[in-house]
Protein backbone atom coordinates (compact mmCIF):
# COMPACT_ATOMS: atom_id res chain seq x y z
CA MET A 1 10.43 31.31 -3.95
CA ASP A 2 6.47 30.05 -3.04
CA ILE A 3 6.84 29.48 0.54
CA ASN A 4 3.74 27.26 0.19
CA LYS A 5 5.92 24.60 -1.71
CA VAL A 6 8.28 24.45 1.18
CA LEU A 7 5.88 24.34 4.51
CA PRO A 8 5.46 21.43 6.16
CA VAL A 9 2.18 19.42 5.21
CA SER A 10 0.66 18.64 7.87
CA ASP A 11 -0.83 14.84 7.72
CA ALA A 12 2.82 14.16 7.07
CA VAL A 13 4.37 15.44 9.65
CA GLU A 14 2.37 13.78 12.00
CA ASN A 15 1.71 10.61 10.30
CA GLY A 16 4.47 9.85 8.99
CA VAL A 17 6.36 9.42 5.59
CA TRP A 18 7.67 6.57 3.75
CA ILE A 19 11.10 6.20 3.25
CA ASN A 20 13.60 3.85 1.64
CA PHE A 21 16.50 2.40 3.45
CA ASP A 22 17.63 -0.10 1.22
CA GLU A 23 16.49 -1.41 -2.25
CA GLU A 24 14.21 -4.01 0.36
CA THR A 25 13.42 -1.78 3.76
CA SER A 26 11.97 1.45 3.90
CA PHE A 27 10.49 2.75 7.44
CA LEU A 28 7.43 5.09 8.34
CA ILE A 29 8.76 7.73 10.04
CA ARG A 30 7.06 11.22 11.69
CA SER A 31 9.09 14.29 11.99
CA THR A 32 10.75 15.20 15.03
CA GLU A 33 8.30 17.93 14.19
CA CYS A 34 5.43 16.59 15.16
CA LYS A 35 2.86 16.81 18.83
CA GLU A 36 3.65 13.11 19.29
CA TYR A 37 7.21 13.52 19.55
CA THR A 38 6.87 16.46 21.61
CA ARG A 39 4.86 14.83 24.02
CA ALA A 40 7.12 11.93 24.35
CA MET A 41 10.24 14.27 24.81
CA GLN A 42 8.22 15.98 27.72
CA LYS A 43 7.40 13.12 29.13
CA HIS A 44 10.73 11.11 29.15
CA SER A 45 12.68 14.22 30.18
CA ARG A 46 10.87 15.34 33.21
CA LYS A 47 12.58 11.08 34.85
CA LEU A 48 16.24 12.91 34.86
CA LYS A 49 17.16 14.27 37.91
CA GLY A 50 20.63 16.28 38.66
CA ASP A 51 23.37 15.36 36.91
CA GLN A 52 21.69 12.65 34.72
CA ALA A 53 20.14 14.97 33.00
CA LYS A 54 24.00 16.57 31.36
CA SER A 55 25.02 12.98 30.67
CA ILE A 56 25.18 11.81 27.34
CA ALA A 57 24.12 8.33 27.69
CA ALA A 58 20.63 9.82 29.00
CA ALA A 59 20.36 11.50 26.75
CA ARG A 60 20.98 9.00 24.01
CA MET A 61 18.26 6.66 26.27
CA ILE A 62 15.64 9.32 26.17
CA THR A 63 16.31 9.96 22.54
CA MET A 64 15.91 6.41 21.59
CA GLN A 65 12.68 6.45 23.76
CA CYS A 66 11.54 9.41 21.92
CA MET A 67 12.09 7.65 18.28
CA ARG A 68 10.39 4.50 19.77
CA ASP A 69 7.00 5.91 21.10
CA ALA A 70 6.70 8.73 18.44
CA ILE A 71 9.03 8.39 14.99
CA VAL A 72 9.20 5.03 13.69
CA VAL A 73 5.30 4.57 12.86
CA ASP A 74 6.11 0.84 10.65
CA TRP A 75 7.99 -0.42 8.30
CA LYS A 76 8.07 -3.20 5.40
CA GLY A 77 11.09 -5.23 4.55
CA LEU A 78 12.79 -5.59 8.13
CA LYS A 79 13.50 -9.19 9.10
CA ASN A 80 15.39 -10.88 12.04
CA LYS A 81 17.18 -14.49 11.23
CA GLY A 82 15.16 -14.45 7.65
CA LYS A 83 11.45 -14.01 9.45
CA ASP A 84 9.58 -10.85 8.89
CA LEU A 85 9.67 -8.70 11.95
CA PRO A 86 7.16 -6.87 12.66
CA CYS A 87 6.56 -3.32 13.56
CA THR A 88 5.75 -3.43 17.51
CA PRO A 89 8.06 -1.05 20.48
CA GLU A 90 9.61 -4.30 21.50
CA ASN A 91 11.26 -4.26 17.71
CA ILE A 92 11.91 -1.03 17.33
CA GLU A 93 13.65 -1.19 20.46
CA LEU A 94 15.80 -3.40 19.08
CA VAL A 95 16.29 -1.88 15.84
CA LEU A 96 16.98 1.17 17.01
CA LYS A 97 19.80 -0.71 18.94
CA VAL A 98 21.62 -1.04 15.19
CA PRO A 99 23.30 2.41 14.88
CA ALA A 100 22.70 2.33 10.54
CA ILE A 101 19.80 2.26 10.83
CA ARG A 102 18.88 4.46 14.21
CA ASP A 103 21.23 7.11 12.51
CA PHE A 104 18.90 6.80 9.16
CA ILE A 105 16.01 7.59 10.89
CA ALA A 106 17.25 10.19 13.30
CA ASP A 107 18.41 11.90 9.88
CA GLN A 108 15.24 11.54 8.40
CA ALA A 109 12.96 12.58 10.44
CA GLN A 110 14.97 15.99 11.41
CA GLU A 111 14.64 16.21 7.21
CA HIS A 112 12.25 18.95 6.89
CA ALA A 113 12.12 18.10 2.98
CA ASN A 114 11.20 15.22 3.65
CA TYR A 115 7.70 16.75 5.05
CA GLN A 116 7.29 19.60 2.41
CA ARG A 117 4.97 20.11 -0.05
CA GLU A 118 7.25 20.35 -3.10
CA SER A 119 8.97 17.32 -2.22
CA LEU A 120 5.48 15.27 -1.68
CA THR A 121 4.30 16.62 -4.60
CA ALA A 122 7.63 15.38 -7.03
CA GLU A 123 7.10 11.99 -5.06
CA ALA A 124 3.76 10.88 -6.35
CA GLU A 125 4.60 12.30 -9.52
CA ALA A 126 7.36 9.76 -10.23
CA VAL A 127 5.25 7.16 -8.57
CA LYS A 128 3.08 7.79 -11.28
CA LYS A 129 5.81 7.76 -14.18
CA LYS A 130 6.50 3.90 -12.71
């Protein structure tokens, strides 16, 4: 195996990649390895004190804040009551309250293959053939 094919592509990690959720909806998602996510984790984790730092609810809240601030960059095809839903921090919070979407984004942000040169090259080739 050539490690250069599986090394993360820093532009993809830092700027995100488009990932399809379904046939009409896709999200521009940064990797959890991006600098912005690290900064967000540090910022939001500092707010927790004592026993609160150990609670599952607090961990979930911090994760959602970090996803809002650093992971979700944009989206296409997302609607609310039939109208296009713009990607704003407030709307990201709303969307992350949907467990299926939140879990999808969290999983994709941690999926290293999404940000590797080999995967990105294969995806670019597939798009060219369409």
